[in-house]
Amino acid sequence: MRELPSNVDADAVIEVGRYLDDHAKTTAVSISEAFRVVRRRVTPSRVGDTRLEELIVESAGTRHLAVLMDNR
């Protein structure tokens, strides 16, 4: 995983990690579902929608999880 910028919300990073750690390894990670869950758990968040989406995709890739690009 790449170096995180200094303005990223650490709570969002932690919640994305928790969500992905709890996710089944045999099914694809739905971006829209992950986005919804993380946004619900971390409010208010300084991380923008695009950054959060990138964080989910990069974190899932690091864990070798398939990603379902179903957001938007």
C-alpha atoms as a PDB file:
ATOM      1  CA  MET A   1       0.000   0.000   0.000  1.00  0.00           C
ATOM      2  CA  ARG A   2       1.252   3.467  -0.772  1.00  0.00           C
ATOM      3  CA  GLU A   3       2.213   6.127   1.778  1.00  0.00           C
ATOM      4  CA  LEU A   4      -0.900   7.878   3.036  1.00  0.00           C
ATOM      5  CA  PRO A   5      -1.138  11.663   2.707  1.00  0.00           C
ATOM      6  CA  SER A   6      -1.005  13.652   5.941  1.00  0.00           C
ATOM      7  CA  ASN A   7      -4.579  14.924   5.578  1.00  0.00           C
ATOM      8  CA  VAL A   8      -6.224  11.482   5.439  1.00  0.00           C
ATOM      9  CA  ASP A   9      -8.665  10.609   8.200  1.00  0.00           C
ATOM     10  CA  ALA A  10      -7.091   7.863  10.330  1.00  0.00           C
ATOM     11  CA  ASP A  11     -10.518   6.739  11.540  1.00  0.00           C
ATOM     12  CA  ALA A  12     -11.580   6.096   7.942  1.00  0.00           C
ATOM     13  CA  VAL A  13      -8.431   4.055   7.285  1.00  0.00           C
ATOM     14  CA  ILE A  14      -9.064   1.964  10.399  1.00  0.00           C
ATOM     15  CA  GLU A  15     -12.720   1.368   9.514  1.00  0.00           C
ATOM     16  CA  VAL A  16     -11.888   0.369   5.941  1.00  0.00           C
ATOM     17  CA  GLY A  17      -9.364  -2.099   7.350  1.00  0.00           C
ATOM     18  CA  ARG A  18     -11.895  -3.515   9.797  1.00  0.00           C
ATOM     19  CA  TYR A  19     -14.540  -3.836   7.092  1.00  0.00           C
ATOM     20  CA  LEU A  20     -12.172  -5.659   4.755  1.00  0.00           C
ATOM     21  CA  ASP A  21     -10.778  -7.898   7.502  1.00  0.00           C
ATOM     22  CA  ASP A  22     -14.325  -9.046   8.279  1.00  0.00           C
ATOM     23  CA  HIS A  23     -15.222  -9.525   4.601  1.00  0.00           C
ATOM     24  CA  ALA A  24     -15.431 -13.037   3.151  1.00  0.00           C
ATOM     25  CA  LYS A  25     -12.348 -13.886   1.121  1.00  0.00           C
ATOM     26  CA  THR A  26     -14.320 -15.729  -1.561  1.00  0.00           C
ATOM     27  CA  THR A  27     -16.672 -12.911  -2.584  1.00  0.00           C
ATOM     28  CA  ALA A  28     -15.914  -9.614  -4.271  1.00  0.00           C
ATOM     29  CA  VAL A  29     -15.900  -6.445  -2.190  1.00  0.00           C
ATOM     30  CA  SER A  30     -18.783  -4.219  -3.277  1.00  0.00           C
ATOM     31  CA  ILE A  31     -17.489  -0.663  -3.415  1.00  0.00           C
ATOM     32  CA  SER A  32     -20.951   0.810  -2.807  1.00  0.00           C
ATOM     33  CA  GLU A  33     -21.573  -1.410   0.233  1.00  0.00           C
ATOM     34  CA  ALA A  34     -18.120  -0.766   1.704  1.00  0.00           C
ATOM     35  CA  PHE A  35     -18.560   2.960   1.083  1.00  0.00           C
ATOM     36  CA  ARG A  36     -21.953   2.969   2.811  1.00  0.00           C
ATOM     37  CA  VAL A  37     -20.716   1.021   5.842  1.00  0.00           C
ATOM     38  CA  VAL A  38     -17.562   3.084   6.319  1.00  0.00           C
ATOM     39  CA  ARG A  39     -19.459   6.382   5.933  1.00  0.00           C
ATOM     40  CA  ARG A  40     -21.986   5.219   8.537  1.00  0.00           C
ATOM     41  CA  ARG A  41     -19.249   4.261  11.017  1.00  0.00           C
ATOM     42  CA  VAL A  42     -17.074   7.342  10.499  1.00  0.00           C
ATOM     43  CA  THR A  43     -18.976  10.602  10.748  1.00  0.00           C
ATOM     44  CA  PRO A  44     -17.976  13.286  10.221  1.00  0.00           C
ATOM     45  CA  SER A  45     -15.107  12.377   7.983  1.00  0.00           C
ATOM     46  CA  ARG A  46     -12.601  14.685   6.393  1.00  0.00           C
ATOM     47  CA  VAL A  47     -11.873  12.237   3.610  1.00  0.00           C
ATOM     48  CA  GLY A  48     -13.700  12.953   0.366  1.00  0.00           C
ATOM     49  CA  ASP A  49     -15.774  10.446  -1.569  1.00  0.00           C
ATOM     50  CA  THR A  50     -13.124   9.882  -4.240  1.00  0.00           C
ATOM     51  CA  ARG A  51     -10.351   9.406  -1.696  1.00  0.00           C
ATOM     52  CA  LEU A  52     -12.471   6.987   0.323  1.00  0.00           C
ATOM     53  CA  GLU A  53     -13.227   4.977  -2.806  1.00  0.00           C
ATOM     54  CA  GLU A  54      -9.514   4.872  -3.704  1.00  0.00           C
ATOM     55  CA  LEU A  55      -8.673   3.788  -0.161  1.00  0.00           C
ATOM     56  CA  ILE A  56     -11.175   0.930  -0.305  1.00  0.00           C
ATOM     57  CA  VAL A  57      -9.873  -0.269  -3.683  1.00  0.00           C
ATOM     58  CA  GLU A  58      -6.204  -0.051  -2.683  1.00  0.00           C
ATOM     59  CA  SER A  59      -6.809  -1.743   0.667  1.00  0.00           C
ATOM     60  CA  ALA A  60      -8.785  -4.548  -0.981  1.00  0.00           C
ATOM     61  CA  GLY A  61      -6.028  -5.004  -3.537  1.00  0.00           C
ATOM     62  CA  THR A  62      -3.416  -5.239  -0.808  1.00  0.00           C
ATOM     63  CA  ARG A  63      -5.474  -8.022   0.768  1.00  0.00           C
ATOM     64  CA  HIS A  64      -5.826  -9.751  -2.651  1.00  0.00           C
ATOM     65  CA  LEU A  65      -9.621  -9.360  -2.598  1.00  0.00           C
ATOM     66  CA  ALA A  66     -11.687  -9.041  -5.749  1.00  0.00           C
ATOM     67  CA  VAL A  67     -13.470  -5.690  -6.128  1.00  0.00           C
ATOM     68  CA  LEU A  68     -16.929  -5.110  -7.569  1.00  0.00           C
ATOM     69  CA  MET A  69     -16.907  -1.616  -9.103  1.00  0.00           C
ATOM     70  CA  ASP A  70     -20.594  -0.852  -8.525  1.00  0.00           C
ATOM     71  CA  ASN A  71     -20.394   2.677  -7.181  1.00  0.00           C
ATOM     72  CA  ARG A  72     -22.091   5.325  -9.397  1.00  0.00           C
END
